[in-house]
Protein backbone atom coordinates (compact mmCIF):
# COMPACT_ATOMS: atom_id res chain seq x y z
CA UNK A 1 101.30 89.56 109.87
CA UNK A 2 104.79 89.07 108.48
CA UNK A 3 103.42 88.65 104.97
CA UNK A 4 101.42 91.89 105.25
CA UNK A 5 104.40 93.85 106.56
CA UNK A 6 106.76 92.43 103.93
CA UNK A 7 104.26 93.43 101.26
CA UNK A 8 104.35 97.04 102.49
CA UNK A 9 108.16 97.00 102.58
CA UNK A 10 108.46 95.54 99.08
CA UNK A 11 106.09 98.09 97.55
CA UNK A 12 107.12 101.02 99.79
CA UNK A 13 103.38 101.22 100.33
CA UNK A 14 102.98 103.94 102.90
CA UNK A 15 102.31 107.62 102.48
CA UNK A 16 103.87 110.47 104.45
CA UNK A 17 101.55 113.24 105.61
CA UNK A 18 102.71 116.38 107.36
CA UNK A 19 101.07 118.08 110.34
CA UNK A 20 102.17 121.65 111.10
CA UNK A 21 103.69 122.63 114.42
CA UNK A 22 102.65 126.23 115.04
CA UNK A 23 103.93 129.22 116.97
CA UNK A 24 100.90 129.85 119.20
CA UNK A 25 101.49 133.60 119.41
CA UNK A 26 102.08 134.46 115.77
CA UNK A 27 100.04 131.63 114.23
CA UNK A 28 102.82 130.73 111.81
CA UNK A 29 104.32 127.27 111.31
CA UNK A 30 107.77 126.52 112.73
CA UNK A 31 107.95 122.86 111.76
CA UNK A 32 106.06 119.80 110.58
CA UNK A 33 105.74 116.29 111.96
CA UNK A 34 105.96 113.42 109.48
CA UNK A 35 103.11 110.93 109.96
CA UNK A 36 102.75 107.62 108.11
CA UNK A 37 99.46 106.40 106.64
CA UNK A 38 98.68 102.91 105.36
CA UNK A 39 95.88 102.21 102.88
CA UNK A 40 96.20 98.45 102.50
CA UNK A 41 93.38 96.13 103.52
CA UNK A 42 92.44 95.59 106.24
CA UNK A 43 92.58 99.30 107.01
CA UNK A 44 94.18 99.88 110.40
CA UNK A 45 95.80 102.77 112.29
CA UNK A 46 99.55 103.34 111.86
CA UNK A 47 100.37 102.21 115.41
CA UNK A 48 98.85 98.80 114.65
CA UNK A 49 101.08 98.42 111.59
CA UNK A 50 104.23 99.39 113.50
CA UNK A 51 103.33 97.16 116.46
CA UNK A 52 102.73 94.19 114.16
CA UNK A 53 106.01 94.84 112.36
CA UNK A 54 107.86 94.87 115.67
CA UNK A 55 106.16 91.63 116.75
CA UNK A 56 107.48 89.78 113.68
CA UNK A 57 110.98 91.27 113.85
CA UNK A 58 110.45 93.90 111.14
CA UNK A 59 109.92 96.96 113.33
CA UNK A 60 113.17 98.68 112.40
CA UNK A 61 112.62 97.91 108.71
CA UNK A 62 109.17 99.52 108.65
CA UNK A 63 110.26 102.53 110.71
CA UNK A 64 113.23 103.08 108.42
CA UNK A 65 110.95 102.98 105.36
CA UNK A 66 108.82 105.69 106.97
CA UNK A 67 111.91 107.75 107.82
CA UNK A 68 113.37 107.44 104.31
CA UNK A 69 110.09 108.55 102.73
CA UNK A 70 109.85 111.50 105.13
CA UNK A 71 113.41 112.58 104.35
CA UNK A 72 112.55 112.64 100.63
CA UNK A 73 110.22 115.55 101.45
CA UNK A 74 112.78 117.56 103.46
CA UNK A 75 114.40 119.36 100.47
CA UNK A 76 110.94 120.52 99.35
CA UNK A 77 110.01 122.10 102.68
CA UNK A 78 110.25 125.90 103.09
CA UNK A 79 113.68 126.65 104.47
CA UNK A 80 112.38 128.04 107.77
CA UNK A 81 110.63 124.82 108.81
CA UNK A 82 112.09 121.81 110.60
CA UNK A 83 110.99 118.20 110.05
CA UNK A 84 110.14 116.01 113.04
CA UNK A 85 110.70 112.25 112.66
CA UNK A 86 109.32 109.49 114.89
CA UNK A 87 111.54 106.57 115.86
CA UNK A 88 111.67 103.97 118.60
CA UNK A 89 114.71 103.50 120.80
CA UNK A 90 115.59 100.30 118.90
CA UNK A 91 115.54 102.10 115.55
CA UNK A 92 117.49 105.06 116.90
CA UNK A 93 120.20 102.68 118.14
CA UNK A 94 120.60 101.06 114.72
CA UNK A 95 123.51 101.89 112.43
CA UNK A 96 121.06 102.21 109.54
CA UNK A 97 119.28 105.07 111.26
CA UNK A 98 122.52 106.92 111.91
CA UNK A 99 123.72 106.46 108.33
CA UNK A 100 120.44 107.50 106.72
CA UNK A 101 119.80 110.52 108.93
CA UNK A 102 123.46 111.53 108.77
CA UNK A 103 123.13 111.98 105.02
CA UNK A 104 120.33 114.56 105.42
CA UNK A 105 120.28 118.18 106.56
CA UNK A 106 120.37 117.32 110.27
CA UNK A 107 120.14 120.97 111.38
CA UNK A 108 116.52 120.86 110.19
CA UNK A 109 115.64 117.54 111.84
CA UNK A 110 114.08 116.73 115.21
CA UNK A 111 113.96 113.15 116.44
CA UNK A 112 110.84 112.24 118.43
CA UNK A 113 111.38 109.27 120.72
CA UNK A 114 108.23 107.17 120.53
CA UNK A 115 109.27 104.48 123.01
CA UNK A 116 106.95 104.24 126.02
CA UNK A 117 108.63 101.32 127.73
CA UNK A 118 111.79 101.02 129.77
CA UNK A 119 115.01 101.87 127.94
CA UNK A 120 117.30 98.82 128.34
CA UNK A 121 120.38 100.98 128.95
CA UNK A 122 120.29 104.75 129.27
CA UNK A 123 124.08 104.77 129.22
CA UNK A 124 124.24 103.25 125.73
CA UNK A 125 121.26 105.26 124.52
CA UNK A 126 122.78 108.53 125.77
CA UNK A 127 125.95 107.68 123.87
CA UNK A 128 123.95 107.30 120.65
CA UNK A 129 122.00 110.49 121.31
CA UNK A 130 125.25 112.36 121.93
CA UNK A 131 126.55 111.06 118.60
CA UNK A 132 123.40 112.19 116.77
CA UNK A 133 123.43 115.59 118.45
CA UNK A 134 127.02 116.12 117.37
CA UNK A 135 125.67 115.83 113.81
CA UNK A 136 123.14 118.61 114.46
CA UNK A 137 120.06 116.51 115.19
CA UNK A 138 117.76 117.71 117.98
CA UNK A 139 115.85 115.48 120.36
CA UNK A 140 112.17 115.54 121.37
CA UNK A 141 110.37 113.51 124.00
CA UNK A 142 106.77 112.73 123.13
CA UNK A 143 103.71 112.41 125.40
CA UNK A 144 105.11 114.21 128.44
CA UNK A 145 102.62 113.89 131.28
CA UNK A 146 101.26 110.57 130.03
CA UNK A 147 103.13 108.38 132.50
CA UNK A 148 106.32 107.29 134.18
CA UNK A 149 108.23 106.39 131.02
CA UNK A 150 107.88 109.83 129.42
CA UNK A 151 109.05 111.55 132.64
CA UNK A 152 112.07 109.25 132.77
CA UNK A 153 112.96 110.16 129.19
CA UNK A 154 112.73 113.88 130.00
CA UNK A 155 114.85 113.59 133.12
CA UNK A 156 117.53 111.36 131.64
CA UNK A 157 117.81 112.65 128.06
CA UNK A 158 117.61 116.45 128.54
CA UNK A 159 115.57 116.93 125.35
CA UNK A 160 115.55 120.02 123.16
CA UNK A 161 111.79 119.68 122.65
CA UNK A 162 109.14 118.39 125.11
CA UNK A 163 105.70 117.55 123.71
CA UNK A 164 102.79 117.66 126.14
CA UNK A 165 100.53 114.63 125.88
CA UNK A 166 97.22 114.93 124.04
CA UNK A 167 95.31 113.70 127.12
CA UNK A 168 96.69 116.65 129.07
CA UNK A 169 95.74 119.13 126.33
CA UNK A 170 92.23 117.79 125.79
CA UNK A 171 89.81 119.87 127.85
CA UNK A 172 92.58 121.86 129.56
CA UNK A 173 90.39 124.97 129.33
CA UNK A 174 87.68 123.29 131.43
CA UNK A 175 89.74 121.25 133.91
CA UNK A 176 91.67 123.02 136.71
CA UNK A 177 93.73 119.89 137.43
CA UNK A 178 94.92 119.67 133.83
CA UNK A 179 95.77 123.37 133.84
CA UNK A 180 97.80 122.97 137.03
CA UNK A 181 99.77 120.01 135.67
CA UNK A 182 100.23 121.69 132.28
CA UNK A 183 101.55 124.83 133.94
CA UNK A 184 103.95 122.78 136.09
CA UNK A 185 105.27 120.86 133.08
CA UNK A 186 105.74 124.03 131.05
CA UNK A 187 107.67 125.70 133.87
CA UNK A 188 109.72 122.56 134.48
CA UNK A 189 110.66 122.08 130.81
CA UNK A 190 111.52 125.70 130.14
CA UNK A 191 113.36 126.41 133.41
CA UNK A 192 115.20 123.08 133.75
CA UNK A 193 116.14 122.42 130.12
CA UNK A 194 115.38 125.58 128.14
CA UNK A 195 113.31 123.18 126.04
CA UNK A 196 110.91 124.14 123.28
CA UNK A 197 107.47 123.12 124.57
CA UNK A 198 104.84 121.81 122.16
CA UNK A 199 101.24 121.01 123.17
CA UNK A 200 99.80 118.15 121.12
CA UNK A 201 96.17 117.56 120.22
CA UNK A 202 94.78 121.13 120.24
CA UNK A 203 91.24 120.79 118.90
CA UNK A 204 89.31 123.81 120.17
CA UNK A 205 89.70 127.57 120.46
CA UNK A 206 89.35 127.26 124.24
CA UNK A 207 92.28 124.85 124.49
CA UNK A 208 94.39 127.13 122.31
CA UNK A 209 93.60 130.24 124.36
CA UNK A 210 94.31 128.46 127.64
CA UNK A 211 97.66 127.12 126.44
CA UNK A 212 98.63 130.59 125.25
CA UNK A 213 97.72 132.00 128.66
CA UNK A 214 99.85 129.31 130.35
CA UNK A 215 102.82 130.40 128.24
CA UNK A 216 103.04 127.39 125.93
CA UNK A 217 105.02 128.62 122.90
CA UNK A 218 104.10 125.98 120.31
CA UNK A 219 101.37 123.51 119.51
CA UNK A 220 99.82 121.17 116.99
CA UNK A 221 96.41 119.59 116.51
CA UNK A 222 93.40 119.48 114.22
CA UNK A 223 92.36 123.02 115.21
CA UNK A 224 95.69 124.35 113.95
CA UNK A 225 96.08 122.09 110.91
CA UNK A 226 95.24 118.52 109.98
CA UNK A 227 97.86 116.18 108.52
CA UNK A 228 98.08 116.67 104.77
CA UNK A 229 100.27 116.44 101.72
CA UNK A 230 102.86 119.07 100.90
CA UNK A 231 101.11 121.61 98.70
CA UNK A 232 103.83 122.78 96.35
CA UNK A 233 105.26 120.39 93.72
CA UNK A 234 108.91 119.38 93.83
CA UNK A 235 111.26 122.02 92.47
CA UNK A 236 109.18 125.07 93.38
CA UNK A 237 110.51 127.67 95.78
CA UNK A 238 107.91 128.07 98.50
CA UNK A 239 108.08 131.15 100.67
CA UNK A 240 109.41 130.58 104.18
CA UNK A 241 106.56 130.36 106.63
CA UNK A 242 104.13 128.83 104.11
CA UNK A 243 101.99 126.24 105.88
CA UNK A 244 102.25 122.72 104.41
CA UNK A 245 98.77 121.89 105.69
CA UNK A 246 95.55 123.78 104.96
CA UNK A 247 93.92 126.32 107.25
CA UNK A 248 96.67 127.45 109.62
CA UNK A 249 95.54 129.67 112.47
CA UNK A 250 95.77 133.33 111.54
CA UNK A 251 97.95 134.81 108.84
CA UNK A 252 101.57 133.74 108.79
CA UNK A 253 103.78 136.83 108.87
CA UNK A 254 106.62 137.08 106.42
CA UNK A 255 110.09 135.99 107.39
CA UNK A 256 111.76 132.88 108.65
CA UNK A 257 110.23 130.66 111.27
CA UNK A 258 111.55 130.93 114.80
CA UNK A 259 114.46 128.49 115.23
CA UNK A 260 114.61 126.03 118.10
CA UNK A 261 117.25 126.53 120.77
CA UNK A 262 120.54 124.74 120.31
CA UNK A 263 120.92 121.38 121.96
CA UNK A 264 122.48 121.48 125.44
CA UNK A 265 125.97 120.14 125.71
CA UNK A 266 126.01 116.38 126.18
CA UNK A 267 128.35 114.69 128.65
CA UNK A 268 131.73 113.58 127.33
CA UNK A 269 130.90 109.92 127.84
CA UNK A 270 128.07 107.81 129.28
CA UNK A 271 128.36 106.54 132.80
CA UNK A 272 130.29 103.28 133.05
CA UNK A 273 127.52 101.89 135.22
CA UNK A 274 123.92 102.55 134.25
CA UNK A 275 121.95 104.69 136.69
CA UNK A 276 118.21 104.18 136.32
CA UNK A 277 117.31 106.48 139.20
CA UNK A 278 115.95 109.99 138.83
CA UNK A 279 118.80 112.55 138.85
CA UNK A 280 119.12 113.94 142.37
CA UNK A 281 118.79 117.56 141.25
CA UNK A 282 115.29 116.79 139.93
CA UNK A 283 113.94 114.62 142.77
CA UNK A 284 111.76 117.35 144.26
CA UNK A 285 110.28 118.45 140.91
CA UNK A 286 109.69 114.85 139.90
CA UNK A 287 107.86 114.07 143.14
CA UNK A 288 105.66 117.15 142.66
CA UNK A 289 104.78 116.16 139.10
CA UNK A 290 103.90 112.61 140.11
CA UNK A 291 101.75 113.93 142.95
CA UNK A 292 99.88 116.23 140.58
CA UNK A 293 99.37 113.38 138.11
CA UNK A 294 97.96 111.25 140.96
CA UNK A 295 95.59 114.07 141.90
CA UNK A 296 94.33 114.27 138.31
CA UNK A 297 93.66 110.52 138.30
CA UNK A 298 91.77 110.80 141.61
CA UNK A 299 89.63 113.67 140.28
CA UNK A 300 88.87 111.77 137.08
CA UNK A 301 87.92 108.61 139.00
CA UNK A 302 85.68 110.56 141.34
CA UNK A 303 83.99 112.26 138.39
CA UNK A 304 83.46 108.90 136.67
CA UNK A 305 82.02 107.40 139.87
CA UNK A 306 79.53 110.28 140.22
CA UNK A 307 78.36 109.75 136.66
C-alpha cells in the first residue's frame, strides 16, 4: 500500500474533476466541488486510496496533493463560482494546509470537513477554524443527517454550508420520513446558523422538485451535472455563470452567481477545557433530529422485513 501511494505522490498521478453546485431555483451554478480520480491499477474508488494513504501514514500527503491540484484550477474558474475542497480534520490542522490555502484566493474557497469520526479536541479544532475563517475561508459540514458525527460537527462548528447526505436525498420524493427529516434539517440549518444548504446526490427530477418544494436553495448530483473537466482552456475569460460540467439544469441567466453568506463571527478563543457535549441551546432540536432519524431507521427496517 505504501509503495502504491508513494508512486501516486511522486508522479502527482491524480486528476481533479469538478462537479457543479447549482442554485435549485435558477438552475445556474454557484460553485464546484473538486473531486479526485485515480487511474492506476488496480482501479479503486478515491475513498479507498485516501483510506490506504492514511493507514500507512501518508494521508495528509495525499490530501495535500489533491488540494494543490484543485487550487491550480481556481484561477481558471469563472469569477462568480466558488471552489469547494475536501479535507480531513488531521489535514486541516496541519501547517501545510494553512500555508497552501492561505496563498490562494480564500474568499472563493469552501472547506468541506470529511471526517466522520470523533474530533480529538474541538477546542483546538475550533481555534484552527477561526484562524482559517479570519483569512476568508468558509466552512462546510458534509453528510448532514448521516449520523451522530455529522450532527456534532454542525452543532460545534457553526458551519457556513451544510450538505445534506446523499442517503437522505435519495428517494426523498417517495419517502415521507425522508421528507420530514429533510425539512427539519433545512429549517434547523437556515434558522440556527443562516447556513447555505446543499442537497447532495440529486439523481431524478422528482428528487429535485421535492427539494425545491422543501425550500432547499442549492444542490448537486448526477441529474444536475456529473463530475467533469473544466471546459475552457487556461487563459480564456469564461463568462460568469458558465457551468464547468456538461448539461446543467435549465439555462443559466447572465450575471454573477449568488454569493454565500459571510461566516458567522467566531469566538475570541477556544474554551480552556474541551466540552464534547451538545450546546445547551440546541439540546431540544438535537433530540428531535435524533428521534426522526430513529424513526426513519425503524421504517426502513420494517420495510426490509416485509420484503
